[in-house]
N, C-alpha and C. Protein backbone atom coordinates (compact mmCIF):
# COMPACT_ATOMS: atom_id res chain seq x y z
N UNK A 1 -17.88 -38.53 20.52
CA UNK A 1 -18.51 -39.39 19.54
C UNK A 1 -17.73 -39.31 18.23
N UNK A 2 -17.41 -40.45 17.68
CA UNK A 2 -16.66 -40.51 16.42
C UNK A 2 -17.52 -40.03 15.26
N UNK A 3 -16.91 -39.25 14.39
CA UNK A 3 -17.60 -38.77 13.20
C UNK A 3 -17.38 -39.70 12.03
N UNK A 4 -18.24 -39.60 11.06
CA UNK A 4 -18.12 -40.33 9.81
C UNK A 4 -17.39 -39.43 8.82
N UNK A 5 -16.40 -39.97 8.12
CA UNK A 5 -15.71 -39.24 7.07
C UNK A 5 -16.55 -39.35 5.80
N UNK A 6 -16.93 -38.20 5.25
CA UNK A 6 -17.76 -38.16 4.05
C UNK A 6 -16.93 -37.65 2.87
N UNK A 7 -16.91 -38.44 1.81
CA UNK A 7 -16.11 -38.12 0.63
C UNK A 7 -17.04 -38.08 -0.58
N UNK A 8 -16.81 -37.11 -1.45
CA UNK A 8 -17.54 -37.03 -2.71
C UNK A 8 -16.53 -37.21 -3.83
N UNK A 9 -16.85 -38.05 -4.80
CA UNK A 9 -15.97 -38.28 -5.94
C UNK A 9 -16.66 -37.78 -7.20
N UNK A 10 -16.06 -36.76 -7.80
CA UNK A 10 -16.53 -36.22 -9.07
C UNK A 10 -15.56 -36.72 -10.14
N UNK A 11 -16.09 -37.11 -11.29
CA UNK A 11 -15.23 -37.61 -12.36
C UNK A 11 -15.81 -37.27 -13.71
N UNK A 12 -14.93 -36.90 -14.63
CA UNK A 12 -15.38 -36.71 -16.00
C UNK A 12 -15.68 -38.09 -16.59
N UNK A 13 -16.44 -38.11 -17.67
CA UNK A 13 -16.93 -39.38 -18.22
C UNK A 13 -15.82 -40.37 -18.55
N UNK A 14 -14.69 -39.89 -19.05
CA UNK A 14 -13.62 -40.82 -19.42
C UNK A 14 -12.90 -41.42 -18.22
N UNK A 15 -13.12 -40.90 -17.03
CA UNK A 15 -12.50 -41.44 -15.82
C UNK A 15 -13.53 -42.08 -14.88
N UNK A 16 -14.71 -42.32 -15.37
CA UNK A 16 -15.78 -42.92 -14.56
C UNK A 16 -15.32 -44.20 -13.87
N UNK A 17 -14.58 -45.04 -14.57
CA UNK A 17 -14.14 -46.32 -14.00
C UNK A 17 -13.14 -46.13 -12.85
N UNK A 18 -12.50 -44.98 -12.77
CA UNK A 18 -11.52 -44.73 -11.71
C UNK A 18 -12.17 -44.56 -10.33
N UNK A 19 -13.48 -44.36 -10.29
CA UNK A 19 -14.17 -44.26 -9.00
C UNK A 19 -13.93 -45.51 -8.17
N UNK A 20 -13.92 -46.67 -8.81
CA UNK A 20 -13.73 -47.92 -8.07
C UNK A 20 -12.33 -48.00 -7.47
N UNK A 21 -11.35 -47.38 -8.10
CA UNK A 21 -9.98 -47.35 -7.57
C UNK A 21 -9.98 -46.64 -6.22
N UNK A 22 -10.74 -45.56 -6.13
CA UNK A 22 -10.80 -44.80 -4.88
C UNK A 22 -11.46 -45.65 -3.79
N UNK A 23 -12.54 -46.33 -4.11
CA UNK A 23 -13.20 -47.19 -3.13
C UNK A 23 -12.29 -48.29 -2.63
N UNK A 24 -11.54 -48.93 -3.53
CA UNK A 24 -10.62 -50.00 -3.15
C UNK A 24 -9.48 -49.46 -2.29
N UNK A 25 -8.97 -48.29 -2.65
CA UNK A 25 -7.87 -47.69 -1.88
C UNK A 25 -8.31 -47.40 -0.45
N UNK A 26 -9.52 -46.89 -0.29
CA UNK A 26 -10.03 -46.58 1.04
C UNK A 26 -10.27 -47.86 1.84
N UNK A 27 -10.75 -48.90 1.16
CA UNK A 27 -11.00 -50.18 1.85
C UNK A 27 -9.71 -50.80 2.37
N UNK A 28 -8.58 -50.48 1.78
CA UNK A 28 -7.30 -51.06 2.19
C UNK A 28 -6.58 -50.26 3.26
N UNK A 29 -7.21 -49.21 3.78
CA UNK A 29 -6.58 -48.46 4.87
C UNK A 29 -6.38 -49.37 6.08
N UNK A 30 -5.33 -49.13 6.88
CA UNK A 30 -5.03 -50.02 8.00
C UNK A 30 -5.89 -49.80 9.25
N UNK A 31 -6.95 -49.02 9.12
CA UNK A 31 -7.85 -48.75 10.25
C UNK A 31 -9.30 -48.95 9.82
N UNK A 32 -10.15 -49.23 10.78
CA UNK A 32 -11.57 -49.42 10.51
C UNK A 32 -12.34 -48.20 11.02
N UNK A 33 -12.77 -47.35 10.10
CA UNK A 33 -13.57 -46.19 10.45
C UNK A 33 -14.74 -46.11 9.48
N UNK A 34 -15.74 -45.37 9.87
CA UNK A 34 -16.91 -45.22 9.01
C UNK A 34 -16.62 -44.14 7.97
N UNK A 35 -16.61 -44.55 6.70
CA UNK A 35 -16.35 -43.64 5.59
C UNK A 35 -17.47 -43.82 4.58
N UNK A 36 -18.07 -42.71 4.21
CA UNK A 36 -19.13 -42.72 3.21
C UNK A 36 -18.61 -42.08 1.93
N UNK A 37 -18.72 -42.81 0.82
CA UNK A 37 -18.29 -42.29 -0.47
C UNK A 37 -19.53 -41.96 -1.28
N UNK A 38 -19.60 -40.72 -1.72
CA UNK A 38 -20.77 -40.25 -2.47
C UNK A 38 -20.40 -39.89 -3.89
N UNK A 39 -21.43 -39.83 -4.73
CA UNK A 39 -21.30 -39.38 -6.11
C UNK A 39 -22.64 -38.83 -6.56
N UNK A 40 -22.65 -38.18 -7.70
CA UNK A 40 -23.91 -37.73 -8.28
C UNK A 40 -24.69 -38.94 -8.78
N UNK A 41 -26.01 -38.84 -8.81
CA UNK A 41 -26.79 -39.92 -9.43
C UNK A 41 -26.32 -40.10 -10.87
N UNK A 42 -26.24 -41.34 -11.35
CA UNK A 42 -25.68 -41.57 -12.68
C UNK A 42 -26.51 -41.05 -13.85
N UNK A 43 -27.82 -40.95 -13.70
CA UNK A 43 -28.65 -40.53 -14.83
C UNK A 43 -29.29 -39.16 -14.58
N UNK A 44 -28.88 -38.17 -15.34
CA UNK A 44 -29.45 -36.82 -15.31
C UNK A 44 -29.69 -36.27 -13.90
N UNK A 45 -28.63 -36.09 -13.13
CA UNK A 45 -28.82 -35.54 -11.78
C UNK A 45 -29.25 -34.08 -11.84
N UNK A 46 -30.05 -33.68 -10.86
CA UNK A 46 -30.46 -32.28 -10.77
C UNK A 46 -29.45 -31.53 -9.91
N UNK A 47 -29.49 -30.22 -10.00
CA UNK A 47 -28.61 -29.38 -9.18
C UNK A 47 -28.85 -29.67 -7.70
N UNK A 48 -30.12 -29.80 -7.31
CA UNK A 48 -30.44 -30.07 -5.91
C UNK A 48 -29.88 -31.40 -5.43
N UNK A 49 -29.93 -32.42 -6.28
CA UNK A 49 -29.39 -33.73 -5.89
C UNK A 49 -27.88 -33.67 -5.68
N UNK A 50 -27.19 -32.98 -6.57
CA UNK A 50 -25.74 -32.85 -6.44
C UNK A 50 -25.41 -32.00 -5.22
N UNK A 51 -26.13 -30.90 -5.05
CA UNK A 51 -25.92 -30.01 -3.91
C UNK A 51 -26.04 -30.79 -2.60
N UNK A 52 -27.08 -31.58 -2.49
CA UNK A 52 -27.34 -32.35 -1.26
C UNK A 52 -26.20 -33.32 -0.95
N UNK A 53 -25.61 -33.91 -1.98
CA UNK A 53 -24.56 -34.91 -1.76
C UNK A 53 -23.19 -34.28 -1.47
N UNK A 54 -22.97 -33.06 -1.91
CA UNK A 54 -21.70 -32.38 -1.68
C UNK A 54 -21.71 -31.55 -0.39
N UNK A 55 -22.89 -31.10 0.01
CA UNK A 55 -23.03 -30.08 1.06
C UNK A 55 -22.23 -30.34 2.33
N UNK A 56 -22.22 -31.54 2.86
CA UNK A 56 -21.53 -31.75 4.13
C UNK A 56 -20.38 -32.76 4.02
N UNK A 57 -19.73 -32.78 2.87
CA UNK A 57 -18.59 -33.67 2.67
C UNK A 57 -17.32 -33.08 3.29
N UNK A 58 -16.44 -33.95 3.72
CA UNK A 58 -15.16 -33.54 4.28
C UNK A 58 -14.10 -33.36 3.20
N UNK A 59 -14.29 -34.02 2.04
CA UNK A 59 -13.33 -33.92 0.95
C UNK A 59 -14.06 -34.22 -0.37
N UNK A 60 -13.68 -33.48 -1.40
CA UNK A 60 -14.16 -33.75 -2.75
C UNK A 60 -12.94 -34.10 -3.59
N UNK A 61 -12.97 -35.30 -4.17
CA UNK A 61 -11.93 -35.70 -5.12
C UNK A 61 -12.49 -35.41 -6.51
N UNK A 62 -11.75 -34.63 -7.27
CA UNK A 62 -12.19 -34.26 -8.61
C UNK A 62 -11.24 -34.88 -9.61
N UNK A 63 -11.74 -35.84 -10.40
CA UNK A 63 -10.94 -36.55 -11.39
C UNK A 63 -11.20 -35.96 -12.77
N UNK A 64 -10.20 -35.32 -13.33
CA UNK A 64 -10.32 -34.70 -14.65
C UNK A 64 -9.57 -35.51 -15.68
N UNK A 65 -10.28 -35.91 -16.72
CA UNK A 65 -9.67 -36.63 -17.83
C UNK A 65 -9.36 -35.69 -18.97
N UNK A 66 -9.51 -36.17 -20.18
CA UNK A 66 -9.16 -35.39 -21.36
C UNK A 66 -10.12 -34.25 -21.68
N UNK A 67 -11.35 -34.32 -21.14
CA UNK A 67 -12.32 -33.27 -21.43
C UNK A 67 -13.19 -33.04 -20.20
N UNK A 68 -13.63 -31.84 -20.02
CA UNK A 68 -14.56 -31.52 -18.93
C UNK A 68 -15.96 -31.88 -19.42
N UNK A 69 -16.65 -32.72 -18.67
CA UNK A 69 -17.96 -33.22 -19.08
C UNK A 69 -18.97 -33.02 -17.96
N UNK A 70 -20.23 -33.07 -18.32
CA UNK A 70 -21.30 -32.96 -17.33
C UNK A 70 -21.44 -34.30 -16.63
N UNK A 71 -21.79 -34.31 -15.36
CA UNK A 71 -22.03 -33.18 -14.48
C UNK A 71 -20.80 -32.70 -13.72
N UNK A 72 -19.60 -33.14 -14.15
CA UNK A 72 -18.38 -32.80 -13.40
C UNK A 72 -18.19 -31.30 -13.22
N UNK A 73 -18.45 -30.52 -14.26
CA UNK A 73 -18.30 -29.07 -14.13
C UNK A 73 -19.22 -28.49 -13.08
N UNK A 74 -20.44 -28.98 -13.02
CA UNK A 74 -21.39 -28.53 -11.99
C UNK A 74 -20.93 -28.97 -10.60
N UNK A 75 -20.42 -30.19 -10.50
CA UNK A 75 -19.93 -30.68 -9.21
C UNK A 75 -18.79 -29.79 -8.71
N UNK A 76 -17.89 -29.42 -9.61
CA UNK A 76 -16.77 -28.54 -9.27
C UNK A 76 -17.31 -27.19 -8.76
N UNK A 77 -18.22 -26.61 -9.50
CA UNK A 77 -18.77 -25.29 -9.14
C UNK A 77 -19.49 -25.34 -7.80
N UNK A 78 -20.28 -26.39 -7.56
CA UNK A 78 -20.99 -26.50 -6.28
C UNK A 78 -20.02 -26.73 -5.13
N UNK A 79 -19.00 -27.52 -5.33
CA UNK A 79 -18.02 -27.75 -4.26
C UNK A 79 -17.34 -26.43 -3.87
N UNK A 80 -17.01 -25.61 -4.87
CA UNK A 80 -16.41 -24.30 -4.57
C UNK A 80 -17.40 -23.39 -3.85
N UNK A 81 -18.65 -23.36 -4.35
CA UNK A 81 -19.66 -22.51 -3.74
C UNK A 81 -19.91 -22.91 -2.28
N UNK A 82 -19.89 -24.21 -2.01
CA UNK A 82 -20.12 -24.72 -0.66
C UNK A 82 -18.86 -24.75 0.19
N UNK A 83 -17.75 -24.30 -0.39
CA UNK A 83 -16.46 -24.24 0.30
C UNK A 83 -16.02 -25.59 0.85
N UNK A 84 -16.21 -26.61 0.06
CA UNK A 84 -15.76 -27.96 0.40
C UNK A 84 -14.30 -28.09 -0.02
N UNK A 85 -13.48 -28.75 0.78
CA UNK A 85 -12.08 -28.94 0.37
C UNK A 85 -11.99 -29.89 -0.83
N UNK A 86 -11.31 -29.45 -1.87
CA UNK A 86 -11.21 -30.20 -3.12
C UNK A 86 -9.76 -30.64 -3.34
N UNK A 87 -9.60 -31.88 -3.77
CA UNK A 87 -8.30 -32.35 -4.23
C UNK A 87 -8.44 -32.63 -5.72
N UNK A 88 -7.88 -31.73 -6.58
CA UNK A 88 -7.99 -31.92 -8.02
C UNK A 88 -6.93 -32.90 -8.53
N UNK A 89 -7.40 -33.96 -9.17
CA UNK A 89 -6.54 -35.02 -9.69
C UNK A 89 -6.74 -35.11 -11.20
N UNK A 90 -5.63 -35.25 -11.93
CA UNK A 90 -5.72 -35.13 -13.39
C UNK A 90 -5.03 -36.29 -14.08
N UNK A 91 -5.73 -36.85 -15.05
CA UNK A 91 -5.16 -37.83 -15.98
C UNK A 91 -5.60 -37.37 -17.37
N UNK A 92 -4.81 -36.49 -17.96
CA UNK A 92 -5.18 -35.85 -19.23
C UNK A 92 -4.05 -35.97 -20.24
N UNK A 93 -3.84 -37.16 -20.79
CA UNK A 93 -2.75 -37.27 -21.78
C UNK A 93 -3.02 -36.46 -23.06
N UNK A 94 -4.29 -36.28 -23.43
CA UNK A 94 -4.64 -35.52 -24.64
C UNK A 94 -5.80 -34.58 -24.31
N UNK A 95 -5.54 -33.53 -23.50
CA UNK A 95 -6.64 -32.66 -23.09
C UNK A 95 -7.20 -31.83 -24.24
N UNK A 96 -8.51 -31.67 -24.21
CA UNK A 96 -9.17 -30.80 -25.18
C UNK A 96 -8.90 -29.35 -24.79
N UNK A 97 -9.16 -28.42 -25.68
CA UNK A 97 -9.02 -27.00 -25.30
C UNK A 97 -9.88 -26.64 -24.09
N UNK A 98 -11.08 -27.21 -24.00
CA UNK A 98 -11.95 -26.93 -22.85
C UNK A 98 -11.31 -27.43 -21.56
N UNK A 99 -10.73 -28.62 -21.58
CA UNK A 99 -10.07 -29.17 -20.39
C UNK A 99 -8.85 -28.33 -20.02
N UNK A 100 -8.10 -27.88 -21.02
CA UNK A 100 -6.93 -27.04 -20.74
C UNK A 100 -7.34 -25.73 -20.07
N UNK A 101 -8.41 -25.14 -20.56
CA UNK A 101 -8.89 -23.88 -19.97
C UNK A 101 -9.43 -24.12 -18.56
N UNK A 102 -10.14 -25.21 -18.37
CA UNK A 102 -10.66 -25.56 -17.04
C UNK A 102 -9.51 -25.71 -16.05
N UNK A 103 -8.45 -26.39 -16.45
CA UNK A 103 -7.29 -26.57 -15.58
C UNK A 103 -6.61 -25.23 -15.29
N UNK A 104 -6.47 -24.42 -16.30
CA UNK A 104 -5.81 -23.13 -16.16
C UNK A 104 -6.54 -22.22 -15.17
N UNK A 105 -7.87 -22.30 -15.16
CA UNK A 105 -8.66 -21.43 -14.30
C UNK A 105 -8.74 -21.92 -12.86
N UNK A 106 -8.25 -23.11 -12.59
CA UNK A 106 -8.32 -23.66 -11.24
C UNK A 106 -7.39 -22.90 -10.29
N UNK A 107 -7.90 -22.49 -9.13
CA UNK A 107 -7.04 -21.83 -8.16
C UNK A 107 -6.16 -22.83 -7.39
N UNK A 108 -6.42 -24.12 -7.56
CA UNK A 108 -5.64 -25.15 -6.87
C UNK A 108 -4.70 -25.83 -7.86
N UNK A 109 -3.55 -26.28 -7.38
CA UNK A 109 -2.66 -27.04 -8.26
C UNK A 109 -3.22 -28.44 -8.51
N UNK A 110 -2.98 -28.96 -9.69
CA UNK A 110 -3.46 -30.29 -10.04
C UNK A 110 -2.40 -31.32 -9.71
N UNK A 111 -2.83 -32.46 -9.19
CA UNK A 111 -1.94 -33.60 -8.99
C UNK A 111 -2.17 -34.56 -10.15
N UNK A 112 -1.10 -34.86 -10.87
CA UNK A 112 -1.21 -35.75 -12.01
C UNK A 112 -1.05 -37.21 -11.58
N UNK A 113 -1.79 -38.09 -12.23
CA UNK A 113 -1.59 -39.52 -12.06
C UNK A 113 -1.65 -40.15 -13.45
N UNK A 114 -0.89 -41.22 -13.61
CA UNK A 114 -0.81 -41.88 -14.91
C UNK A 114 -1.42 -43.28 -14.87
N UNK A 115 -1.50 -43.85 -13.67
CA UNK A 115 -2.02 -45.21 -13.53
C UNK A 115 -3.01 -45.26 -12.37
N UNK A 116 -3.77 -46.34 -12.32
CA UNK A 116 -4.69 -46.55 -11.20
C UNK A 116 -3.92 -46.67 -9.89
N UNK A 117 -2.73 -47.25 -9.94
CA UNK A 117 -1.90 -47.39 -8.74
C UNK A 117 -1.50 -46.02 -8.20
N UNK A 118 -1.13 -45.11 -9.09
CA UNK A 118 -0.77 -43.75 -8.65
C UNK A 118 -1.97 -43.04 -8.05
N UNK A 119 -3.14 -43.18 -8.66
CA UNK A 119 -4.35 -42.57 -8.11
C UNK A 119 -4.64 -43.14 -6.73
N UNK A 120 -4.55 -44.44 -6.59
CA UNK A 120 -4.80 -45.08 -5.29
C UNK A 120 -3.85 -44.56 -4.23
N UNK A 121 -2.57 -44.40 -4.58
CA UNK A 121 -1.59 -43.89 -3.62
C UNK A 121 -1.92 -42.45 -3.20
N UNK A 122 -2.25 -41.61 -4.16
CA UNK A 122 -2.58 -40.21 -3.84
C UNK A 122 -3.80 -40.11 -2.92
N UNK A 123 -4.83 -40.88 -3.24
CA UNK A 123 -6.05 -40.83 -2.43
C UNK A 123 -5.82 -41.47 -1.07
N UNK A 124 -5.11 -42.59 -1.02
CA UNK A 124 -4.83 -43.26 0.26
C UNK A 124 -4.08 -42.33 1.20
N UNK A 125 -3.08 -41.66 0.67
CA UNK A 125 -2.30 -40.73 1.48
C UNK A 125 -3.16 -39.58 1.98
N UNK A 126 -3.99 -39.04 1.12
CA UNK A 126 -4.86 -37.93 1.51
C UNK A 126 -5.87 -38.36 2.58
N UNK A 127 -6.52 -39.50 2.38
CA UNK A 127 -7.51 -39.98 3.36
C UNK A 127 -6.83 -40.29 4.69
N UNK A 128 -5.66 -40.91 4.63
CA UNK A 128 -4.93 -41.21 5.88
C UNK A 128 -4.61 -39.93 6.64
N UNK A 129 -4.23 -38.89 5.92
CA UNK A 129 -3.94 -37.61 6.60
C UNK A 129 -5.22 -36.98 7.16
N UNK A 130 -6.34 -37.12 6.44
CA UNK A 130 -7.61 -36.62 6.97
C UNK A 130 -7.98 -37.35 8.26
N UNK A 131 -7.79 -38.66 8.26
CA UNK A 131 -8.15 -39.46 9.45
C UNK A 131 -7.23 -39.18 10.63
N UNK A 132 -6.02 -38.77 10.33
CA UNK A 132 -5.04 -38.47 11.39
C UNK A 132 -5.24 -37.04 11.89
N UNK A 133 -6.48 -36.71 12.16
CA UNK A 133 -6.90 -35.37 12.57
C UNK A 133 -6.39 -35.08 13.99
N UNK A 134 -5.88 -33.87 14.25
CA UNK A 134 -5.35 -33.55 15.58
C UNK A 134 -6.37 -33.71 16.71
N UNK A 135 -7.64 -33.46 16.42
CA UNK A 135 -8.68 -33.59 17.46
C UNK A 135 -9.28 -35.00 17.49
N UNK A 136 -8.73 -35.92 16.68
CA UNK A 136 -9.21 -37.30 16.59
C UNK A 136 -10.72 -37.35 16.36
N UNK A 137 -11.17 -36.62 15.36
CA UNK A 137 -12.60 -36.54 15.01
C UNK A 137 -13.20 -37.90 14.70
N UNK A 138 -12.36 -38.84 14.26
CA UNK A 138 -12.89 -40.11 13.78
C UNK A 138 -12.75 -41.25 14.80
N UNK A 139 -12.39 -40.89 16.05
CA UNK A 139 -12.41 -41.84 17.16
C UNK A 139 -11.43 -42.99 17.05
N UNK A 140 -10.25 -42.74 16.52
CA UNK A 140 -9.26 -43.80 16.40
C UNK A 140 -8.58 -44.07 17.74
N UNK A 141 -8.26 -45.33 17.98
CA UNK A 141 -7.53 -45.70 19.18
C UNK A 141 -6.05 -45.35 18.99
N UNK A 142 -5.29 -45.41 20.07
CA UNK A 142 -3.87 -45.10 20.00
C UNK A 142 -3.17 -46.05 19.03
N UNK A 143 -3.47 -47.34 19.09
CA UNK A 143 -2.81 -48.29 18.17
C UNK A 143 -3.22 -48.02 16.71
N UNK A 144 -4.46 -47.62 16.48
CA UNK A 144 -4.90 -47.28 15.12
C UNK A 144 -4.17 -46.03 14.62
N UNK A 145 -4.00 -45.04 15.50
CA UNK A 145 -3.27 -43.83 15.12
C UNK A 145 -1.82 -44.16 14.77
N UNK A 146 -1.22 -45.07 15.53
CA UNK A 146 0.16 -45.47 15.26
C UNK A 146 0.25 -46.20 13.92
N UNK A 147 -0.70 -47.11 13.64
CA UNK A 147 -0.72 -47.82 12.36
C UNK A 147 -0.90 -46.83 11.21
N UNK A 148 -1.79 -45.86 11.42
CA UNK A 148 -2.05 -44.85 10.40
C UNK A 148 -0.80 -44.01 10.15
N UNK A 149 -0.09 -43.66 11.20
CA UNK A 149 1.13 -42.87 11.05
C UNK A 149 2.20 -43.65 10.28
N UNK A 150 2.33 -44.93 10.56
CA UNK A 150 3.28 -45.77 9.82
C UNK A 150 2.88 -45.90 8.36
N UNK A 151 1.60 -46.01 8.12
CA UNK A 151 1.06 -46.10 6.76
C UNK A 151 1.38 -44.82 5.98
N UNK A 152 1.17 -43.67 6.61
CA UNK A 152 1.48 -42.38 5.97
C UNK A 152 2.96 -42.29 5.64
N UNK A 153 3.82 -42.72 6.57
CA UNK A 153 5.27 -42.68 6.32
C UNK A 153 5.65 -43.57 5.13
N UNK A 154 5.06 -44.76 5.05
CA UNK A 154 5.36 -45.66 3.93
C UNK A 154 4.91 -45.04 2.60
N UNK A 155 3.71 -44.46 2.59
CA UNK A 155 3.21 -43.84 1.36
C UNK A 155 4.06 -42.62 0.97
N UNK A 156 4.49 -41.85 1.97
CA UNK A 156 5.37 -40.70 1.69
C UNK A 156 6.69 -41.17 1.09
N UNK A 157 7.21 -42.29 1.61
CA UNK A 157 8.47 -42.84 1.11
C UNK A 157 8.30 -43.30 -0.34
N UNK A 158 7.20 -43.97 -0.64
CA UNK A 158 6.92 -44.41 -2.01
C UNK A 158 6.83 -43.19 -2.92
N UNK A 159 6.15 -42.15 -2.46
CA UNK A 159 6.02 -40.92 -3.26
C UNK A 159 7.38 -40.31 -3.53
N UNK A 160 8.24 -40.26 -2.51
CA UNK A 160 9.57 -39.69 -2.69
C UNK A 160 10.38 -40.52 -3.69
N UNK A 161 10.25 -41.84 -3.65
CA UNK A 161 10.97 -42.71 -4.59
C UNK A 161 10.47 -42.49 -6.02
N UNK A 162 9.17 -42.32 -6.18
CA UNK A 162 8.60 -42.08 -7.51
C UNK A 162 9.12 -40.76 -8.06
N UNK A 163 9.20 -39.75 -7.22
CA UNK A 163 9.66 -38.43 -7.68
C UNK A 163 11.14 -38.45 -8.04
N UNK A 164 11.92 -39.38 -7.48
CA UNK A 164 13.36 -39.47 -7.76
C UNK A 164 13.65 -40.21 -9.06
N UNK A 165 12.67 -40.97 -9.57
CA UNK A 165 12.91 -41.75 -10.77
C UNK A 165 13.30 -40.84 -11.92
N UNK A 166 14.35 -41.22 -12.64
CA UNK A 166 14.78 -40.38 -13.76
C UNK A 166 13.75 -40.39 -14.87
N UNK A 167 13.66 -39.25 -15.53
CA UNK A 167 12.76 -39.13 -16.66
C UNK A 167 13.54 -38.64 -17.86
N UNK A 168 12.92 -38.69 -19.00
CA UNK A 168 13.59 -38.20 -20.21
C UNK A 168 14.85 -39.00 -20.50
N UNK A 169 15.91 -38.33 -20.92
CA UNK A 169 17.16 -38.99 -21.27
C UNK A 169 17.85 -39.57 -20.05
N UNK A 170 17.56 -39.02 -18.86
CA UNK A 170 18.17 -39.55 -17.64
C UNK A 170 17.78 -41.00 -17.41
N UNK A 171 16.60 -41.38 -17.84
CA UNK A 171 16.13 -42.76 -17.66
C UNK A 171 16.57 -43.68 -18.78
N UNK A 172 17.37 -43.18 -19.69
CA UNK A 172 17.81 -43.97 -20.83
C UNK A 172 16.92 -43.67 -22.02
N UNK A 173 17.36 -43.96 -23.18
CA UNK A 173 16.54 -43.71 -24.35
C UNK A 173 17.32 -43.96 -25.62
N UNK A 174 16.62 -43.90 -26.71
CA UNK A 174 17.22 -44.08 -28.03
C UNK A 174 16.91 -42.84 -28.85
N UNK A 175 17.95 -42.27 -29.40
CA UNK A 175 17.76 -41.10 -30.25
C UNK A 175 17.93 -41.54 -31.70
N UNK A 176 17.01 -41.13 -32.53
CA UNK A 176 17.03 -41.52 -33.94
C UNK A 176 17.16 -40.24 -34.77
N UNK A 177 18.13 -40.24 -35.61
CA UNK A 177 18.34 -39.11 -36.51
C UNK A 177 17.33 -39.27 -37.66
N UNK A 178 16.52 -38.23 -37.88
CA UNK A 178 15.49 -38.31 -38.91
C UNK A 178 16.09 -38.54 -40.30
N UNK A 179 17.32 -38.10 -40.52
CA UNK A 179 17.97 -38.31 -41.82
C UNK A 179 18.29 -39.78 -42.04
N UNK A 180 18.69 -40.49 -40.97
CA UNK A 180 19.02 -41.91 -41.14
C UNK A 180 17.76 -42.74 -41.29
N UNK A 181 16.65 -42.27 -40.80
CA UNK A 181 15.38 -42.99 -40.93
C UNK A 181 14.88 -42.94 -42.38
N UNK A 182 15.25 -41.89 -43.10
CA UNK A 182 14.81 -41.74 -44.47
C UNK A 182 15.60 -42.63 -45.43
N UNK A 183 16.80 -43.00 -45.05
CA UNK A 183 17.69 -43.78 -45.94
C UNK A 183 17.28 -45.22 -46.07
């Protein structure tokens, strides 16, 4: 019997809108499987409500913005307590001291994203790898598994190309002497 993939998305307040990016990325997968995306209730969730939604998830995506906000910190703590697999994703161009400390204390490495497209690629790749389970927990047909494998290869190739892009002075730039700016 095919299982349902259950995902929980935790997000700090400044990244609330990024939840929709995850939903769209999952909808564009090249296979049709049952995937449930969960979140905390939007208004004053209780510990029990959050616990219930995280308890049997297959993956927790944690989106950290510039500051750690409620209920994201509680969602993080419950996911760890329940031993749910977490993928920490970060978009923190100007992190507060609290966010910096939160990141520092994480036992997992953070994956940075700068755009919605980068977030979609990271999540799509992760979900595709979850679905490509060795025991075929999600009941994919052989042709679906082949499509999924091709999809993973394309996303890996895009990731490799992004990592090769030059940064800093390698990508070109203009240097301005502060003395000439004063003249």
